[in-house]
Amino acid sequence: MIYIVNFNPGSLVPSSIFTLLHVNFYFTILGDLLLGIGMLRAAVYPRWTGIAVIVLGFVSFTIALMPPANANISATLGGLGELLLAAFYLQCGFLLLS
């Protein structure tokens, strides 16, 4: 039986946890895009919130494709994107409570 924790792919791949983190990141991007489409179609929130979530999903995707030489720029943009996404979710919560 193969366990993911004990999986050792060899010396070519640094660790399986990095692979899982990349898969998690890409599914998070896909989830942001689908959530934004759902927000637009449901029309419960204002249109700008759904559009903002979709735009941040695309921004996250472009940051993920940046070369490693731009690590400082991509880390800064990634942090700002996460803060903006948290602000949008907070705004959605306030809209639902009002």
PDB file of N, CA and C in Angstrom:
ATOM      1  N   MET A   1       0.841  -1.168   0.000  1.00  0.00           N
ATOM      2  CA  MET A   1       0.000   0.000   0.000  1.00  0.00           C
ATOM      3  C   MET A   1       0.889   1.236   0.000  1.00  0.00           C
ATOM      4  N   ILE A   2       0.552   2.223  -0.835  1.00  0.00           N
ATOM      5  CA  ILE A   2       1.348   3.440  -0.951  1.00  0.00           C
ATOM      6  C   ILE A   2       0.646   4.564  -0.209  1.00  0.00           C
ATOM      7  N   TYR A   3       1.379   5.190   0.682  1.00  0.00           N
ATOM      8  CA  TYR A   3       0.875   6.343   1.404  1.00  0.00           C
ATOM      9  C   TYR A   3       1.502   7.600   0.819  1.00  0.00           C
ATOM     10  N   ILE A   4       0.743   8.675   0.733  1.00  0.00           N
ATOM     11  CA  ILE A   4       1.265   9.914   0.165  1.00  0.00           C
ATOM     12  C   ILE A   4       2.374  10.485   1.039  1.00  0.00           C
ATOM     13  N   VAL A   5       2.260  10.321   2.334  1.00  0.00           N
ATOM     14  CA  VAL A   5       3.257  10.880   3.241  1.00  0.00           C
ATOM     15  C   VAL A   5       4.601  10.186   3.051  1.00  0.00           C
ATOM     16  N   ASN A   6       4.609   8.883   2.808  1.00  0.00           N
ATOM     17  CA  ASN A   6       5.843   8.126   2.666  1.00  0.00           C
ATOM     18  C   ASN A   6       6.299   8.004   1.215  1.00  0.00           C
ATOM     19  N   PHE A   7       5.662   8.711   0.312  1.00  0.00           N
ATOM     20  CA  PHE A   7       5.992   8.607  -1.101  1.00  0.00           C
ATOM     21  C   PHE A   7       7.314   9.303  -1.373  1.00  0.00           C
ATOM     22  N   ASN A   8       8.250   8.607  -1.993  1.00  0.00           N
ATOM     23  CA  ASN A   8       9.546   9.165  -2.332  1.00  0.00           C
ATOM     24  C   ASN A   8       9.780   8.991  -3.822  1.00  0.00           C
ATOM     25  N   PRO A   9       9.614  10.054  -4.620  1.00  0.00           N
ATOM     26  CA  PRO A   9       9.750   9.912  -6.075  1.00  0.00           C
ATOM     27  C   PRO A   9      11.191   9.828  -6.557  1.00  0.00           C
ATOM     28  N   GLY A  10      12.156  10.039  -5.719  1.00  0.00           N
ATOM     29  CA  GLY A  10      13.556   9.981  -6.130  1.00  0.00           C
ATOM     30  C   GLY A  10      14.220  11.334  -6.006  1.00  0.00           C
ATOM     31  N   SER A  11      15.401  11.428  -6.582  1.00  0.00           N
ATOM     32  CA  SER A  11      16.182  12.659  -6.424  1.00  0.00           C
ATOM     33  C   SER A  11      15.777  13.740  -7.419  1.00  0.00           C
ATOM     34  N   LEU A  12      14.990  13.419  -8.448  1.00  0.00           N
ATOM     35  CA  LEU A  12      14.614  14.416  -9.436  1.00  0.00           C
ATOM     36  C   LEU A  12      13.561  15.387  -8.917  1.00  0.00           C
ATOM     37  N   VAL A  13      12.698  14.929  -8.044  1.00  0.00           N
ATOM     38  CA  VAL A  13      11.642  15.765  -7.486  1.00  0.00           C
ATOM     39  C   VAL A  13      12.002  16.064  -6.036  1.00  0.00           C
ATOM     40  N   PRO A  14      12.000  17.355  -5.631  1.00  0.00           N
ATOM     41  CA  PRO A  14      12.428  17.687  -4.264  1.00  0.00           C
ATOM     42  C   PRO A  14      11.588  17.009  -3.189  1.00  0.00           C
ATOM     43  N   SER A  15      10.296  17.064  -3.319  1.00  0.00           N
ATOM     44  CA  SER A  15       9.436  16.446  -2.324  1.00  0.00           C
ATOM     45  C   SER A  15       8.021  16.366  -2.886  1.00  0.00           C
ATOM     46  N   SER A  16       7.281  15.398  -2.408  1.00  0.00           N
ATOM     47  CA  SER A  16       5.911  15.265  -2.885  1.00  0.00           C
ATOM     48  C   SER A  16       5.013  16.357  -2.314  1.00  0.00           C
ATOM     49  N   ILE A  17       5.408  16.972  -1.205  1.00  0.00           N
ATOM     50  CA  ILE A  17       4.588  18.026  -0.630  1.00  0.00           C
ATOM     51  C   ILE A  17       4.556  19.245  -1.551  1.00  0.00           C
ATOM     52  N   PHE A  18       5.649  19.495  -2.284  1.00  0.00           N
ATOM     53  CA  PHE A  18       5.653  20.606  -3.236  1.00  0.00           C
ATOM     54  C   PHE A  18       4.671  20.345  -4.368  1.00  0.00           C
ATOM     55  N   THR A  19       4.592  19.097  -4.801  1.00  0.00           N
ATOM     56  CA  THR A  19       3.631  18.740  -5.838  1.00  0.00           C
ATOM     57  C   THR A  19       2.209  18.955  -5.342  1.00  0.00           C
ATOM     58  N   LEU A  20       1.942  18.554  -4.123  1.00  0.00           N
ATOM     59  CA  LEU A  20       0.609  18.757  -3.565  1.00  0.00           C
ATOM     60  C   LEU A  20       0.280  20.233  -3.398  1.00  0.00           C
ATOM     61  N   LEU A  21       1.260  21.043  -3.044  1.00  0.00           N
ATOM     62  CA  LEU A  21       1.024  22.480  -2.914  1.00  0.00           C
ATOM     63  C   LEU A  21       0.713  23.109  -4.264  1.00  0.00           C
ATOM     64  N   HIS A  22       1.401  22.657  -5.317  1.00  0.00           N
ATOM     65  CA  HIS A  22       1.109  23.187  -6.658  1.00  0.00           C
ATOM     66  C   HIS A  22      -0.289  22.782  -7.107  1.00  0.00           C
ATOM     67  N   VAL A  23      -0.656  21.547  -6.858  1.00  0.00           N
ATOM     68  CA  VAL A  23      -2.004  21.088  -7.228  1.00  0.00           C
ATOM     69  C   VAL A  23      -3.052  21.874  -6.452  1.00  0.00           C
ATOM     70  N   ASN A  24      -2.809  22.113  -5.164  1.00  0.00           N
ATOM     71  CA  ASN A  24      -3.725  22.898  -4.347  1.00  0.00           C
ATOM     72  C   ASN A  24      -3.850  24.316  -4.887  1.00  0.00           C
ATOM     73  N   PHE A  25      -2.742  24.902  -5.295  1.00  0.00           N
ATOM     74  CA  PHE A  25      -2.767  26.270  -5.814  1.00  0.00           C
ATOM     75  C   PHE A  25      -3.593  26.355  -7.088  1.00  0.00           C
ATOM     76  N   TYR A  26      -3.423  25.398  -8.001  1.00  0.00           N
ATOM     77  CA  TYR A  26      -4.174  25.443  -9.256  1.00  0.00           C
ATOM     78  C   TYR A  26      -5.660  25.195  -9.032  1.00  0.00           C
ATOM     79  N   PHE A  27      -6.009  24.330  -8.089  1.00  0.00           N
ATOM     80  CA  PHE A  27      -7.425  24.131  -7.791  1.00  0.00           C
ATOM     81  C   PHE A  27      -8.029  25.339  -7.087  1.00  0.00           C
ATOM     82  N   THR A  28      -7.226  26.071  -6.330  1.00  0.00           N
ATOM     83  CA  THR A  28      -7.711  27.306  -5.714  1.00  0.00           C
ATOM     84  C   THR A  28      -8.008  28.352  -6.779  1.00  0.00           C
ATOM     85  N   ILE A  29      -7.150  28.446  -7.792  1.00  0.00           N
ATOM     86  CA  ILE A  29      -7.390  29.376  -8.897  1.00  0.00           C
ATOM     87  C   ILE A  29      -8.674  29.001  -9.624  1.00  0.00           C
ATOM     88  N   LEU A  30      -8.827  27.711  -9.913  1.00  0.00           N
ATOM     89  CA  LEU A  30     -10.043  27.242 -10.580  1.00  0.00           C
ATOM     90  C   LEU A  30     -11.275  27.526  -9.728  1.00  0.00           C
ATOM     91  N   GLY A  31     -11.163  27.332  -8.417  1.00  0.00           N
ATOM     92  CA  GLY A  31     -12.275  27.614  -7.517  1.00  0.00           C
ATOM     93  C   GLY A  31     -12.640  29.081  -7.494  1.00  0.00           C
ATOM     94  N   ASP A  32     -11.621  29.968  -7.533  1.00  0.00           N
ATOM     95  CA  ASP A  32     -11.905  31.413  -7.584  1.00  0.00           C
ATOM     96  C   ASP A  32     -12.657  31.778  -8.851  1.00  0.00           C
ATOM     97  N   LEU A  33     -12.232  31.218  -9.982  1.00  0.00           N
ATOM     98  CA  LEU A  33     -12.911  31.511 -11.242  1.00  0.00           C
ATOM     99  C   LEU A  33     -14.358  31.016 -11.215  1.00  0.00           C
ATOM    100  N   LEU A  34     -14.569  29.800 -10.738  1.00  0.00           N
ATOM    101  CA  LEU A  34     -15.929  29.260 -10.697  1.00  0.00           C
ATOM    102  C   LEU A  34     -16.802  30.003  -9.687  1.00  0.00           C
ATOM    103  N   LEU A  35     -16.215  30.423  -8.565  1.00  0.00           N
ATOM    104  CA  LEU A  35     -16.971  31.193  -7.581  1.00  0.00           C
ATOM    105  C   LEU A  35     -17.386  32.547  -8.154  1.00  0.00           C
ATOM    106  N   GLY A  36     -16.483  33.192  -8.887  1.00  0.00           N
ATOM    107  CA  GLY A  36     -16.828  34.470  -9.505  1.00  0.00           C
ATOM    108  C   GLY A  36     -17.941  34.323 -10.526  1.00  0.00           C
ATOM    109  N   ILE A  37     -17.899  33.254 -11.331  1.00  0.00           N
ATOM    110  CA  ILE A  37     -18.970  33.013 -12.302  1.00  0.00           C
ATOM    111  C   ILE A  37     -20.287  32.753 -11.586  1.00  0.00           C
ATOM    112  N   GLY A  38     -20.229  31.991 -10.504  1.00  0.00           N
ATOM    113  CA  GLY A  38     -21.444  31.728  -9.727  1.00  0.00           C
ATOM    114  C   GLY A  38     -22.004  32.986  -9.083  1.00  0.00           C
ATOM    115  N   MET A  39     -21.115  33.873  -8.629  1.00  0.00           N
ATOM    116  CA  MET A  39     -21.576  35.130  -8.036  1.00  0.00           C
ATOM    117  C   MET A  39     -22.261  36.004  -9.078  1.00  0.00           C
ATOM    118  N   LEU A  40     -21.722  36.007 -10.286  1.00  0.00           N
ATOM    119  CA  LEU A  40     -22.348  36.795 -11.348  1.00  0.00           C
ATOM    120  C   LEU A  40     -23.703  36.228 -11.743  1.00  0.00           C
ATOM    121  N   ARG A  41     -23.791  34.912 -11.844  1.00  0.00           N
ATOM    122  CA  ARG A  41     -25.032  34.298 -12.299  1.00  0.00           C
ATOM    123  C   ARG A  41     -26.124  34.339 -11.239  1.00  0.00           C
ATOM    124  N   ALA A  42     -25.749  34.262  -9.964  1.00  0.00           N
ATOM    125  CA  ALA A  42     -26.755  34.253  -8.903  1.00  0.00           C
ATOM    126  C   ALA A  42     -27.341  35.644  -8.664  1.00  0.00           C
ATOM    127  N   ALA A  43     -26.585  36.673  -8.924  1.00  0.00           N
ATOM    128  CA  ALA A  43     -27.005  38.066  -8.760  1.00  0.00           C
ATOM    129  C   ALA A  43     -27.431  38.381  -7.329  1.00  0.00           C
ATOM    130  N   VAL A  44     -26.799  37.734  -6.365  1.00  0.00           N
ATOM    131  CA  VAL A  44     -27.047  38.041  -4.954  1.00  0.00           C
ATOM    132  C   VAL A  44     -26.148  39.189  -4.522  1.00  0.00           C
ATOM    133  N   TYR A  45     -24.929  39.181  -5.012  1.00  0.00           N
ATOM    134  CA  TYR A  45     -23.957  40.229  -4.703  1.00  0.00           C
ATOM    135  C   TYR A  45     -23.927  41.224  -5.853  1.00  0.00           C
ATOM    136  N   PRO A  46     -23.352  42.395  -5.618  1.00  0.00           N
ATOM    137  CA  PRO A  46     -23.153  43.320  -6.738  1.00  0.00           C
ATOM    138  C   PRO A  46     -22.212  42.706  -7.787  1.00  0.00           C
ATOM    139  N   ARG A  47     -22.345  43.152  -9.010  1.00  0.00           N
ATOM    140  CA  ARG A  47     -21.566  42.566 -10.109  1.00  0.00           C
ATOM    141  C   ARG A  47     -20.071  42.752  -9.919  1.00  0.00           C
ATOM    142  N   TRP A  48     -19.664  43.841  -9.261  1.00  0.00           N
ATOM    143  CA  TRP A  48     -18.236  44.093  -9.140  1.00  0.00           C
ATOM    144  C   TRP A  48     -17.548  43.042  -8.285  1.00  0.00           C
ATOM    145  N   THR A  49     -18.267  42.426  -7.340  1.00  0.00           N
ATOM    146  CA  THR A  49     -17.616  41.416  -6.507  1.00  0.00           C
ATOM    147  C   THR A  49     -17.296  40.162  -7.328  1.00  0.00           C
ATOM    148  N   GLY A  50     -18.222  39.731  -8.167  1.00  0.00           N
ATOM    149  CA  GLY A  50     -17.957  38.565  -9.004  1.00  0.00           C
ATOM    150  C   GLY A  50     -16.854  38.833 -10.011  1.00  0.00           C
ATOM    151  N   ILE A  51     -16.865  40.013 -10.601  1.00  0.00           N
ATOM    152  CA  ILE A  51     -15.828  40.374 -11.563  1.00  0.00           C
ATOM    153  C   ILE A  51     -14.467  40.462 -10.875  1.00  0.00           C
ATOM    154  N   ALA A  52     -14.443  41.000  -9.663  1.00  0.00           N
ATOM    155  CA  ALA A  52     -13.186  41.119  -8.927  1.00  0.00           C
ATOM    156  C   ALA A  52     -12.612  39.748  -8.585  1.00  0.00           C
ATOM    157  N   VAL A  53     -13.458  38.808  -8.203  1.00  0.00           N
ATOM    158  CA  VAL A  53     -12.973  37.461  -7.888  1.00  0.00           C
ATOM    159  C   VAL A  53     -12.422  36.785  -9.143  1.00  0.00           C
ATOM    160  N   ILE A  54     -13.082  36.975 -10.287  1.00  0.00           N
ATOM    161  CA  ILE A  54     -12.587  36.404 -11.539  1.00  0.00           C
ATOM    162  C   ILE A  54     -11.251  37.042 -11.928  1.00  0.00           C
ATOM    163  N   VAL A  55     -11.158  38.359 -11.810  1.00  0.00           N
ATOM    164  CA  VAL A  55      -9.908  39.047 -12.159  1.00  0.00           C
ATOM    165  C   VAL A  55      -8.776  38.591 -11.243  1.00  0.00           C
ATOM    166  N   LEU A  56      -9.056  38.450  -9.956  1.00  0.00           N
ATOM    167  CA  LEU A  56      -8.009  37.979  -9.044  1.00  0.00           C
ATOM    168  C   LEU A  56      -7.615  36.535  -9.344  1.00  0.00           C
ATOM    169  N   GLY A  57      -8.543  35.729  -9.841  1.00  0.00           N
ATOM    170  CA  GLY A  57      -8.189  34.375 -10.254  1.00  0.00           C
ATOM    171  C   GLY A  57      -7.216  34.393 -11.414  1.00  0.00           C
ATOM    172  N   PHE A  58      -7.463  35.281 -12.401  1.00  0.00           N
ATOM    173  CA  PHE A  58      -6.534  35.402 -13.522  1.00  0.00           C
ATOM    174  C   PHE A  58      -5.200  35.993 -13.096  1.00  0.00           C
ATOM    175  N   VAL A  59      -5.226  36.944 -12.173  1.00  0.00           N
ATOM    176  CA  VAL A  59      -3.976  37.525 -11.671  1.00  0.00           C
ATOM    177  C   VAL A  59      -3.164  36.458 -10.947  1.00  0.00           C
ATOM    178  N   SER A  60      -3.819  35.621 -10.161  1.00  0.00           N
ATOM    179  CA  SER A  60      -3.110  34.535  -9.475  1.00  0.00           C
ATOM    180  C   SER A  60      -2.493  33.576 -10.470  1.00  0.00           C
ATOM    181  N   PHE A  61      -3.211  33.322 -11.558  1.00  0.00           N
ATOM    182  CA  PHE A  61      -2.690  32.414 -12.584  1.00  0.00           C
ATOM    183  C   PHE A  61      -1.459  33.004 -13.260  1.00  0.00           C
ATOM    184  N   THR A  62      -1.494  34.300 -13.571  1.00  0.00           N
ATOM    185  CA  THR A  62      -0.330  34.915 -14.207  1.00  0.00           C
ATOM    186  C   THR A  62       0.851  35.006 -13.244  1.00  0.00           C
ATOM    187  N   ILE A  63       0.584  35.204 -11.965  1.00  0.00           N
ATOM    188  CA  ILE A  63       1.664  35.220 -10.980  1.00  0.00           C
ATOM    189  C   ILE A  63       2.290  33.835 -10.876  1.00  0.00           C
ATOM    190  N   ALA A  64       1.474  32.792 -10.982  1.00  0.00           N
ATOM    191  CA  ALA A  64       2.003  31.431 -10.908  1.00  0.00           C
ATOM    192  C   ALA A  64       2.898  31.103 -12.096  1.00  0.00           C
ATOM    193  N   LEU A  65       2.663  31.751 -13.237  1.00  0.00           N
ATOM    194  CA  LEU A  65       3.466  31.488 -14.429  1.00  0.00           C
ATOM    195  C   LEU A  65       4.711  32.359 -14.529  1.00  0.00           C
ATOM    196  N   MET A  66       4.929  33.254 -13.568  1.00  0.00           N
ATOM    197  CA  MET A  66       6.119  34.102 -13.605  1.00  0.00           C
ATOM    198  C   MET A  66       7.366  33.256 -13.376  1.00  0.00           C
ATOM    199  N   PRO A  67       8.466  33.617 -14.025  1.00  0.00           N
ATOM    200  CA  PRO A  67       9.703  32.845 -13.818  1.00  0.00           C
ATOM    201  C   PRO A  67      10.247  33.049 -12.410  1.00  0.00           C
ATOM    202  N   PRO A  68      11.059  32.101 -11.942  1.00  0.00           N
ATOM    203  CA  PRO A  68      11.604  32.217 -10.571  1.00  0.00           C
ATOM    204  C   PRO A  68      12.514  33.420 -10.373  1.00  0.00           C
ATOM    205  N   ALA A  69      13.016  34.028 -11.457  1.00  0.00           N
ATOM    206  CA  ALA A  69      13.878  35.202 -11.311  1.00  0.00           C
ATOM    207  C   ALA A  69      13.110  36.382 -10.727  1.00  0.00           C
ATOM    208  N   ASN A  70      11.790  36.410 -10.910  1.00  0.00           N
ATOM    209  CA  ASN A  70      10.960  37.490 -10.379  1.00  0.00           C
ATOM    210  C   ASN A  70      10.273  37.070  -9.083  1.00  0.00           C
ATOM    211  N   ALA A  71      10.977  36.366  -8.238  1.00  0.00           N
ATOM    212  CA  ALA A  71      10.367  35.816  -7.025  1.00  0.00           C
ATOM    213  C   ALA A  71       9.873  36.913  -6.085  1.00  0.00           C
ATOM    214  N   ASN A  72      10.622  37.997  -5.938  1.00  0.00           N
ATOM    215  CA  ASN A  72      10.194  39.074  -5.035  1.00  0.00           C
ATOM    216  C   ASN A  72       8.933  39.757  -5.552  1.00  0.00           C
ATOM    217  N   ILE A  73       8.877  39.983  -6.863  1.00  0.00           N
ATOM    218  CA  ILE A  73       7.702  40.629  -7.448  1.00  0.00           C
ATOM    219  C   ILE A  73       6.485  39.733  -7.325  1.00  0.00           C
ATOM    220  N   SER A  74       6.672  38.443  -7.641  1.00  0.00           N
ATOM    221  CA  SER A  74       5.526  37.534  -7.581  1.00  0.00           C
ATOM    222  C   SER A  74       5.047  37.335  -6.146  1.00  0.00           C
ATOM    223  N   ALA A  75       5.958  37.321  -5.183  1.00  0.00           N
ATOM    224  CA  ALA A  75       5.545  37.185  -3.785  1.00  0.00           C
ATOM    225  C   ALA A  75       4.772  38.417  -3.321  1.00  0.00           C
ATOM    226  N   THR A  76       5.221  39.597  -3.730  1.00  0.00           N
ATOM    227  CA  THR A  76       4.528  40.825  -3.359  1.00  0.00           C
ATOM    228  C   THR A  76       3.145  40.886  -3.991  1.00  0.00           C
ATOM    229  N   LEU A  77       3.072  40.590  -5.299  1.00  0.00           N
ATOM    230  CA  LEU A  77       1.776  40.611  -5.978  1.00  0.00           C
ATOM    231  C   LEU A  77       0.844  39.529  -5.440  1.00  0.00           C
ATOM    232  N   GLY A  78       1.397  38.372  -5.107  1.00  0.00           N
ATOM    233  CA  GLY A  78       0.571  37.308  -4.538  1.00  0.00           C
ATOM    234  C   GLY A  78      -0.011  37.694  -3.191  1.00  0.00           C
ATOM    235  N   GLY A  79       0.802  38.341  -2.363  1.00  0.00           N
ATOM    236  CA  GLY A  79       0.300  38.801  -1.066  1.00  0.00           C
ATOM    237  C   GLY A  79      -0.770  39.865  -1.207  1.00  0.00           C
ATOM    238  N   LEU A  80      -0.571  40.796  -2.138  1.00  0.00           N
ATOM    239  CA  LEU A  80      -1.586  41.822  -2.374  1.00  0.00           C
ATOM    240  C   LEU A  80      -2.874  41.220  -2.925  1.00  0.00           C
ATOM    241  N   GLY A  81      -2.740  40.237  -3.804  1.00  0.00           N
ATOM    242  CA  GLY A  81      -3.924  39.567  -4.348  1.00  0.00           C
ATOM    243  C   GLY A  81      -4.716  38.851  -3.275  1.00  0.00           C
ATOM    244  N   GLU A  82      -4.005  38.192  -2.351  1.00  0.00           N
ATOM    245  CA  GLU A  82      -4.701  37.509  -1.258  1.00  0.00           C
ATOM    246  C   GLU A  82      -5.403  38.506  -0.338  1.00  0.00           C
ATOM    247  N   LEU A  83      -4.772  39.643  -0.090  1.00  0.00           N
ATOM    248  CA  LEU A  83      -5.416  40.660   0.743  1.00  0.00           C
ATOM    249  C   LEU A  83      -6.658  41.236   0.062  1.00  0.00           C
ATOM    250  N   LEU A  84      -6.571  41.477  -1.244  1.00  0.00           N
ATOM    251  CA  LEU A  84      -7.739  41.970  -1.973  1.00  0.00           C
ATOM    252  C   LEU A  84      -8.872  40.950  -1.981  1.00  0.00           C
ATOM    253  N   LEU A  85      -8.530  39.689  -2.149  1.00  0.00           N
ATOM    254  CA  LEU A  85      -9.550  38.651  -2.139  1.00  0.00           C
ATOM    255  C   LEU A  85     -10.213  38.547  -0.765  1.00  0.00           C
ATOM    256  N   ALA A  86      -9.420  38.677   0.296  1.00  0.00           N
ATOM    257  CA  ALA A  86      -9.989  38.663   1.639  1.00  0.00           C
ATOM    258  C   ALA A  86     -10.903  39.874   1.849  1.00  0.00           C
ATOM    259  N   ALA A  87     -10.523  41.038   1.303  1.00  0.00           N
ATOM    260  CA  ALA A  87     -11.368  42.225   1.423  1.00  0.00           C
ATOM    261  C   ALA A  87     -12.683  42.040   0.676  1.00  0.00           C
ATOM    262  N   PHE A  88     -12.637  41.388  -0.495  1.00  0.00           N
ATOM    263  CA  PHE A  88     -13.867  41.138  -1.243  1.00  0.00           C
ATOM    264  C   PHE A  88     -14.779  40.173  -0.494  1.00  0.00           C
ATOM    265  N   TYR A  89     -14.196  39.142   0.109  1.00  0.00           N
ATOM    266  CA  TYR A  89     -15.019  38.205   0.876  1.00  0.00           C
ATOM    267  C   TYR A  89     -15.613  38.888   2.104  1.00  0.00           C
ATOM    268  N   LEU A  90     -14.843  39.789   2.722  1.00  0.00           N
ATOM    269  CA  LEU A  90     -15.361  40.534   3.860  1.00  0.00           C
ATOM    270  C   LEU A  90     -16.511  41.444   3.432  1.00  0.00           C
ATOM    271  N   GLN A  91     -16.360  42.092   2.292  1.00  0.00           N
ATOM    272  CA  GLN A  91     -17.436  42.938   1.760  1.00  0.00           C
ATOM    273  C   GLN A  91     -18.672  42.109   1.459  1.00  0.00           C
ATOM    274  N   CYS A  92     -18.498  40.908   0.912  1.00  0.00           N
ATOM    275  CA  CYS A  92     -19.643  40.033   0.641  1.00  0.00           C
ATOM    276  C   CYS A  92     -20.349  39.640   1.930  1.00  0.00           C
ATOM    277  N   GLY A  93     -19.588  39.407   2.978  1.00  0.00           N
ATOM    278  CA  GLY A  93     -20.198  39.096   4.262  1.00  0.00           C
ATOM    279  C   GLY A  93     -21.006  40.262   4.804  1.00  0.00           C
ATOM    280  N   PHE A  94     -20.465  41.471   4.691  1.00  0.00           N
ATOM    281  CA  PHE A  94     -21.213  42.638   5.134  1.00  0.00           C
ATOM    282  C   PHE A  94     -22.471  42.860   4.310  1.00  0.00           C
ATOM    283  N   LEU A  95     -22.392  42.570   2.996  1.00  0.00           N
ATOM    284  CA  LEU A  95     -23.579  42.705   2.143  1.00  0.00           C
ATOM    285  C   LEU A  95     -24.659  41.701   2.519  1.00  0.00           C
ATOM    286  N   LEU A  96     -24.246  40.511   2.896  1.00  0.00           N
ATOM    287  CA  LEU A  96     -25.240  39.514   3.294  1.00  0.00           C
ATOM    288  C   LEU A  96     -25.888  39.853   4.629  1.00  0.00           C
ATOM    289  N   LEU A  97     -25.137  40.492   5.528  1.00  0.00           N
ATOM    290  CA  LEU A  97     -25.692  40.855   6.824  1.00  0.00           C
ATOM    291  C   LEU A  97     -26.608  42.070   6.752  1.00  0.00           C
ATOM    292  N   SER A  98     -26.441  42.904   5.752  1.00  0.00           N
ATOM    293  CA  SER A  98     -27.271  44.106   5.674  1.00  0.00           C
ATOM    294  C   SER A  98     -28.594  43.834   4.979  1.00  0.00           C
TER     295      SER A  98
END
